[in-house]
Amino acid sequence: MRKGITAAAAAIVFVAGVGVGWAGGLKAPSTTALFQGKSKQDAANALLDTALVQAGKGSWERIAVGRAYYLGGNKAKGQQIFDALLGSKHADSDTFRIARVYEEAGEWNKARPMFDAYLVANPKEAKDLAEIGAYYYLHGDKATGEQLFARSFAADDNEVWATVAVAGTYLGMKPQP
C-alpha cells in the first residue's frame, strides 16, 4: 500500500513539474527537422518513419502509414506494413481498410477478395455493403453491385451513408471512406 501511495505522489509531482515547464514556455520537441530543407521524398520518408513509430500498435494508424507509403510510390514498404498486420490477429475492419487502399491504387483484383472475405464476416453492415457494392458497380459488375445495394438497404434502410454511397455510384462517384 505504501508503494502505491509513493508512486501516486511521484506521478503527481512529475505531472505538476511538466505543467510548470509548459507554462514557463518550454516547448515539445519539434519535428520540423524531419522536413525542412529536404527533398519531398526524403521529407515524406522521414515523416512516415516517425508516424510509424507514433502509431505504435494502432492498426488503423499503421494502415494510414502503409497507405501513404503504398500510394506514394513505395509499395514494398506499404505492403510490408499490411502483411505484418494481416499476419497477426487483426480486426475485420483492418482487412476492409487495406482493401480500400488496393482499390484506391487501381488494384481491384487484389481488393475484391479482401472485400468479399469482409462481407462473409460482416454480412449486415449496411454502410460497408453499400460501399463495396459501389466498387463492384464502378468496376463494371453492376449486377453484384446492385445485389449488395439491396442487401445494404435490407440491413438498414435508414443509413444515410449507405444511401449517399449508392446515389453517388449512379453519378459515377466512388464512395467517400
C-alpha atoms as a PDB file:
ATOM      1  CA  MET A   1       0.000   0.000   0.000  1.00  0.00           C
ATOM      2  CA  ARG A   2       2.846   2.358   0.910  1.00  0.00           C
ATOM      3  CA  LYS A   3       4.478   1.735  -2.507  1.00  0.00           C
ATOM      4  CA  GLY A   4       1.202   2.668  -4.231  1.00  0.00           C
ATOM      5  CA  ILE A   5       0.952   5.943  -2.308  1.00  0.00           C
ATOM      6  CA  THR A   6       4.592   6.748  -3.045  1.00  0.00           C
ATOM      7  CA  ALA A   7       4.093   6.014  -6.763  1.00  0.00           C
ATOM      8  CA  ALA A   8       0.967   8.176  -6.882  1.00  0.00           C
ATOM      9  CA  ALA A   9       2.764  11.045  -5.143  1.00  0.00           C
ATOM     10  CA  ALA A  10       5.692  10.754  -7.548  1.00  0.00           C
ATOM     11  CA  ALA A  11       3.300  10.849 -10.510  1.00  0.00           C
ATOM     12  CA  ILE A  12       1.595  13.969  -9.177  1.00  0.00           C
ATOM     13  CA  VAL A  13       4.936  15.729  -8.676  1.00  0.00           C
ATOM     14  CA  PHE A  14       6.036  14.716 -12.201  1.00  0.00           C
ATOM     15  CA  VAL A  15       2.822  15.952 -13.844  1.00  0.00           C
ATOM     16  CA  ALA A  16       2.959  19.196 -11.845  1.00  0.00           C
ATOM     17  CA  GLY A  17       6.573  19.708 -12.942  1.00  0.00           C
ATOM     18  CA  VAL A  18       5.666  19.135 -16.594  1.00  0.00           C
ATOM     19  CA  GLY A  19       2.793  21.612 -16.256  1.00  0.00           C
ATOM     20  CA  VAL A  20       5.104  24.238 -14.765  1.00  0.00           C
ATOM     21  CA  GLY A  21       7.605  23.612 -17.572  1.00  0.00           C
ATOM     22  CA  TRP A  22       4.970  24.065 -20.267  1.00  0.00           C
ATOM     23  CA  ALA A  23       3.607  27.186 -18.558  1.00  0.00           C
ATOM     24  CA  GLY A  24       7.156  28.533 -18.350  1.00  0.00           C
ATOM     25  CA  GLY A  25       7.488  28.446 -22.122  1.00  0.00           C
ATOM     26  CA  LEU A  26       9.241  25.123 -22.712  1.00  0.00           C
ATOM     27  CA  LYS A  27       8.138  23.506 -25.934  1.00  0.00           C
ATOM     28  CA  ALA A  28       7.739  19.933 -27.037  1.00  0.00           C
ATOM     29  CA  PRO A  29      10.484  18.678 -29.352  1.00  0.00           C
ATOM     30  CA  SER A  30       9.925  19.934 -32.895  1.00  0.00           C
ATOM     31  CA  THR A  31       9.544  17.650 -35.877  1.00  0.00           C
ATOM     32  CA  THR A  32      10.361  20.384 -38.362  1.00  0.00           C
ATOM     33  CA  ALA A  33      13.841  18.903 -38.763  1.00  0.00           C
ATOM     34  CA  LEU A  34      12.154  15.947 -40.426  1.00  0.00           C
ATOM     35  CA  PHE A  35      11.113  18.007 -43.448  1.00  0.00           C
ATOM     36  CA  GLN A  36      12.745  21.422 -43.571  1.00  0.00           C
ATOM     37  CA  GLY A  37      15.414  21.672 -46.237  1.00  0.00           C
ATOM     38  CA  LYS A  38      14.786  18.145 -47.552  1.00  0.00           C
ATOM     39  CA  SER A  39      13.523  16.882 -50.876  1.00  0.00           C
ATOM     40  CA  LYS A  40       9.863  15.939 -50.991  1.00  0.00           C
ATOM     41  CA  GLN A  41      10.712  12.234 -50.979  1.00  0.00           C
ATOM     42  CA  ASP A  42      13.208  12.499 -48.112  1.00  0.00           C
ATOM     43  CA  ALA A  43      10.774  14.608 -46.088  1.00  0.00           C
ATOM     44  CA  ALA A  44       7.926  12.164 -46.705  1.00  0.00           C
ATOM     45  CA  ASN A  45      10.085   9.178 -45.761  1.00  0.00           C
ATOM     46  CA  ALA A  46      11.324  10.813 -42.559  1.00  0.00           C
ATOM     47  CA  LEU A  47       7.794  11.826 -41.570  1.00  0.00           C
ATOM     48  CA  LEU A  48       6.344   8.404 -42.385  1.00  0.00           C
ATOM     49  CA  ASP A  49       9.077   6.629 -40.436  1.00  0.00           C
ATOM     50  CA  THR A  50       8.215   8.877 -37.490  1.00  0.00           C
ATOM     51  CA  ALA A  51       4.480   8.320 -37.958  1.00  0.00           C
ATOM     52  CA  LEU A  52       5.019   4.565 -37.916  1.00  0.00           C
ATOM     53  CA  VAL A  53       6.709   4.864 -34.530  1.00  0.00           C
ATOM     54  CA  GLN A  54       3.950   7.197 -33.327  1.00  0.00           C
ATOM     55  CA  ALA A  55       1.326   4.680 -34.499  1.00  0.00           C
ATOM     56  CA  GLY A  56       2.634   2.099 -32.065  1.00  0.00           C
ATOM     57  CA  LYS A  57       0.366  -0.925 -32.175  1.00  0.00           C
ATOM     58  CA  GLY A  58      -2.643   1.004 -33.525  1.00  0.00           C
ATOM     59  CA  SER A  59      -3.850  -0.876 -36.569  1.00  0.00           C
ATOM     60  CA  TRP A  60      -5.798   1.963 -38.197  1.00  0.00           C
ATOM     61  CA  GLU A  61      -2.856   4.273 -37.678  1.00  0.00           C
ATOM     62  CA  ARG A  62      -0.432   1.726 -39.152  1.00  0.00           C
ATOM     63  CA  ILE A  63      -2.746   1.230 -42.136  1.00  0.00           C
ATOM     64  CA  ALA A  64      -2.754   5.004 -42.693  1.00  0.00           C
ATOM     65  CA  VAL A  65       1.056   4.999 -42.767  1.00  0.00           C
ATOM     66  CA  GLY A  66       1.073   1.950 -45.042  1.00  0.00           C
ATOM     67  CA  ARG A  67      -1.413   3.694 -47.336  1.00  0.00           C
ATOM     68  CA  ALA A  68       0.847   6.716 -47.667  1.00  0.00           C
ATOM     69  CA  TYR A  69       3.822   4.517 -48.499  1.00  0.00           C
ATOM     70  CA  TYR A  70       1.818   2.329 -50.898  1.00  0.00           C
ATOM     71  CA  LEU A  71       0.080   5.108 -52.812  1.00  0.00           C
ATOM     72  CA  GLY A  72       3.127   7.381 -52.565  1.00  0.00           C
ATOM     73  CA  GLY A  73       5.282   5.040 -54.614  1.00  0.00           C
ATOM     74  CA  ASN A  74       6.873   2.777 -52.013  1.00  0.00           C
ATOM     75  CA  LYS A  75       4.548  -0.185 -52.444  1.00  0.00           C
ATOM     76  CA  ALA A  76       7.051  -2.580 -50.897  1.00  0.00           C
ATOM     77  CA  LYS A  77       7.155  -0.663 -47.609  1.00  0.00           C
ATOM     78  CA  GLY A  78       3.371  -0.248 -47.559  1.00  0.00           C
ATOM     79  CA  GLN A  79       2.876  -3.929 -48.348  1.00  0.00           C
ATOM     80  CA  GLN A  80       5.274  -4.852 -45.541  1.00  0.00           C
ATOM     81  CA  ILE A  81       3.118  -2.916 -43.073  1.00  0.00           C
ATOM     82  CA  PHE A  82      -0.079  -4.502 -44.407  1.00  0.00           C
ATOM     83  CA  ASP A  83       1.393  -8.005 -44.326  1.00  0.00           C
ATOM     84  CA  ALA A  84       2.522  -7.548 -40.730  1.00  0.00           C
ATOM     85  CA  LEU A  85      -0.994  -6.512 -39.726  1.00  0.00           C
ATOM     86  CA  LEU A  86      -2.752  -9.229 -41.679  1.00  0.00           C
ATOM     87  CA  GLY A  87      -0.269 -11.852 -40.495  1.00  0.00           C
ATOM     88  CA  SER A  88      -1.215 -11.283 -36.866  1.00  0.00           C
ATOM     89  CA  LYS A  89      -4.507 -11.128 -35.021  1.00  0.00           C
ATOM     90  CA  HIS A  90      -6.473  -8.282 -36.553  1.00  0.00           C
ATOM     91  CA  ALA A  91      -9.993  -6.932 -36.803  1.00  0.00           C
ATOM     92  CA  ASP A  92     -12.165  -7.373 -39.871  1.00  0.00           C
ATOM     93  CA  SER A  93     -12.105  -3.591 -40.242  1.00  0.00           C
ATOM     94  CA  ASP A  94      -8.339  -3.801 -40.858  1.00  0.00           C
ATOM     95  CA  THR A  95      -8.947  -6.076 -43.845  1.00  0.00           C
ATOM     96  CA  PHE A  96     -11.593  -3.657 -45.090  1.00  0.00           C
ATOM     97  CA  ARG A  97      -9.286  -0.639 -44.793  1.00  0.00           C
ATOM     98  CA  ILE A  98      -6.396  -2.355 -46.553  1.00  0.00           C
ATOM     99  CA  ALA A  99      -8.731  -3.466 -49.345  1.00  0.00           C
ATOM    100  CA  ARG A 100      -9.697   0.199 -49.757  1.00  0.00           C
ATOM    101  CA  VAL A 101      -6.036   1.069 -50.302  1.00  0.00           C
ATOM    102  CA  TYR A 102      -5.697  -1.569 -53.025  1.00  0.00           C
ATOM    103  CA  GLU A 103      -8.870  -0.320 -54.693  1.00  0.00           C
ATOM    104  CA  GLU A 104      -7.599   3.254 -54.496  1.00  0.00           C
ATOM    105  CA  ALA A 105      -4.345   2.102 -56.085  1.00  0.00           C
ATOM    106  CA  GLY A 106      -6.319   0.695 -59.022  1.00  0.00           C
ATOM    107  CA  GLU A 107      -5.720  -2.893 -57.924  1.00  0.00           C
ATOM    108  CA  TRP A 108      -9.307  -4.148 -57.932  1.00  0.00           C
ATOM    109  CA  ASN A 109      -8.220  -7.770 -58.395  1.00  0.00           C
ATOM    110  CA  LYS A 110      -6.283  -7.516 -55.145  1.00  0.00           C
ATOM    111  CA  ALA A 111      -9.018  -5.611 -53.286  1.00  0.00           C
ATOM    112  CA  ARG A 112     -12.013  -7.698 -54.359  1.00  0.00           C
ATOM    113  CA  PRO A 113     -11.179 -10.937 -52.480  1.00  0.00           C
ATOM    114  CA  MET A 114     -10.467  -8.949 -49.330  1.00  0.00           C
ATOM    115  CA  PHE A 115     -13.800  -7.152 -49.606  1.00  0.00           C
ATOM    116  CA  ASP A 116     -15.532 -10.491 -50.215  1.00  0.00           C
ATOM    117  CA  ALA A 117     -13.930 -12.003 -47.099  1.00  0.00           C
ATOM    118  CA  TYR A 118     -15.004  -8.965 -45.110  1.00  0.00           C
ATOM    119  CA  LEU A 119     -18.600  -9.366 -46.306  1.00  0.00           C
ATOM    120  CA  VAL A 120     -18.677 -13.015 -45.249  1.00  0.00           C
ATOM    121  CA  ALA A 121     -17.646 -11.991 -41.738  1.00  0.00           C
ATOM    122  CA  ASN A 122     -19.872  -8.872 -41.664  1.00  0.00           C
ATOM    123  CA  PRO A 123     -22.989  -9.623 -43.729  1.00  0.00           C
ATOM    124  CA  LYS A 124     -25.218  -6.918 -42.225  1.00  0.00           C
ATOM    125  CA  GLU A 125     -23.051  -3.797 -42.167  1.00  0.00           C
ATOM    126  CA  ALA A 126     -25.261  -1.532 -44.283  1.00  0.00           C
ATOM    127  CA  LYS A 127     -22.705   1.207 -44.938  1.00  0.00           C
ATOM    128  CA  ASP A 128     -19.985  -1.284 -45.865  1.00  0.00           C
ATOM    129  CA  LEU A 129     -22.311  -3.323 -48.089  1.00  0.00           C
ATOM    130  CA  ALA A 130     -23.163  -0.136 -49.980  1.00  0.00           C
ATOM    131  CA  GLU A 131     -19.524   0.914 -50.287  1.00  0.00           C
ATOM    132  CA  ILE A 132     -18.366  -2.459 -51.552  1.00  0.00           C
ATOM    133  CA  GLY A 133     -21.377  -2.596 -53.859  1.00  0.00           C
ATOM    134  CA  ALA A 134     -20.296   0.751 -55.272  1.00  0.00           C
ATOM    135  CA  TYR A 135     -16.833  -0.598 -56.039  1.00  0.00           C
ATOM    136  CA  TYR A 136     -18.307  -3.604 -57.814  1.00  0.00           C
ATOM    137  CA  TYR A 137     -20.685  -1.404 -59.781  1.00  0.00           C
ATOM    138  CA  LEU A 138     -17.994   1.091 -60.739  1.00  0.00           C
ATOM    139  CA  HIS A 139     -15.685  -1.739 -61.838  1.00  0.00           C
ATOM    140  CA  GLY A 140     -18.330  -2.932 -64.271  1.00  0.00           C
ATOM    141  CA  ASP A 141     -20.113  -5.628 -62.247  1.00  0.00           C
ATOM    142  CA  LYS A 142     -23.440  -3.834 -61.993  1.00  0.00           C
ATOM    143  CA  ALA A 143     -25.389  -6.967 -61.000  1.00  0.00           C
ATOM    144  CA  THR A 144     -23.221  -7.683 -57.953  1.00  0.00           C
ATOM    145  CA  GLY A 145     -23.170  -4.001 -57.081  1.00  0.00           C
ATOM    146  CA  GLU A 146     -26.946  -3.778 -57.099  1.00  0.00           C
ATOM    147  CA  GLN A 147     -27.273  -7.028 -55.129  1.00  0.00           C
ATOM    148  CA  LEU A 148     -25.051  -5.503 -52.453  1.00  0.00           C
ATOM    149  CA  PHE A 149     -27.090  -2.287 -52.541  1.00  0.00           C
ATOM    150  CA  ALA A 150     -30.248  -4.340 -51.934  1.00  0.00           C
ATOM    151  CA  ARG A 151     -28.567  -6.190 -49.050  1.00  0.00           C
ATOM    152  CA  SER A 152     -27.470  -2.859 -47.606  1.00  0.00           C
ATOM    153  CA  PHE A 153     -30.986  -1.462 -47.601  1.00  0.00           C
ATOM    154  CA  ALA A 154     -32.374  -4.737 -46.232  1.00  0.00           C
ATOM    155  CA  ALA A 155     -29.900  -4.488 -43.344  1.00  0.00           C
ATOM    156  CA  ASP A 156     -30.772  -0.849 -42.607  1.00  0.00           C
ATOM    157  CA  ASP A 157     -32.887   1.286 -44.903  1.00  0.00           C
ATOM    158  CA  ASN A 158     -32.249   4.398 -42.815  1.00  0.00           C
ATOM    159  CA  GLU A 159     -28.427   4.525 -43.039  1.00  0.00           C
ATOM    160  CA  VAL A 160     -27.650   7.890 -44.627  1.00  0.00           C
ATOM    161  CA  TRP A 161     -24.050   6.980 -45.541  1.00  0.00           C
ATOM    162  CA  ALA A 162     -25.208   3.888 -47.397  1.00  0.00           C
ATOM    163  CA  THR A 163     -27.856   5.873 -49.268  1.00  0.00           C
ATOM    164  CA  VAL A 164     -25.340   8.557 -50.233  1.00  0.00           C
ATOM    165  CA  ALA A 165     -22.810   5.939 -51.373  1.00  0.00           C
ATOM    166  CA  VAL A 166     -25.389   4.268 -53.596  1.00  0.00           C
ATOM    167  CA  ALA A 167     -26.616   7.584 -55.014  1.00  0.00           C
ATOM    168  CA  GLY A 168     -23.056   8.681 -55.718  1.00  0.00           C
ATOM    169  CA  THR A 169     -22.366   5.414 -57.507  1.00  0.00           C
ATOM    170  CA  TYR A 170     -25.097   6.172 -60.028  1.00  0.00           C
ATOM    171  CA  LEU A 171     -23.367   9.521 -60.592  1.00  0.00           C
ATOM    172  CA  GLY A 172     -20.032   7.764 -61.232  1.00  0.00           C
ATOM    173  CA  MET A 173     -18.525   8.679 -57.850  1.00  0.00           C
ATOM    174  CA  LYS A 174     -16.535   6.409 -55.597  1.00  0.00           C
ATOM    175  CA  PRO A 175     -17.793   6.278 -52.018  1.00  0.00           C
ATOM    176  CA  GLN A 176     -16.203   8.590 -49.505  1.00  0.00           C
ATOM    177  CA  PRO A 177     -14.446   6.400 -46.934  1.00  0.00           C
END
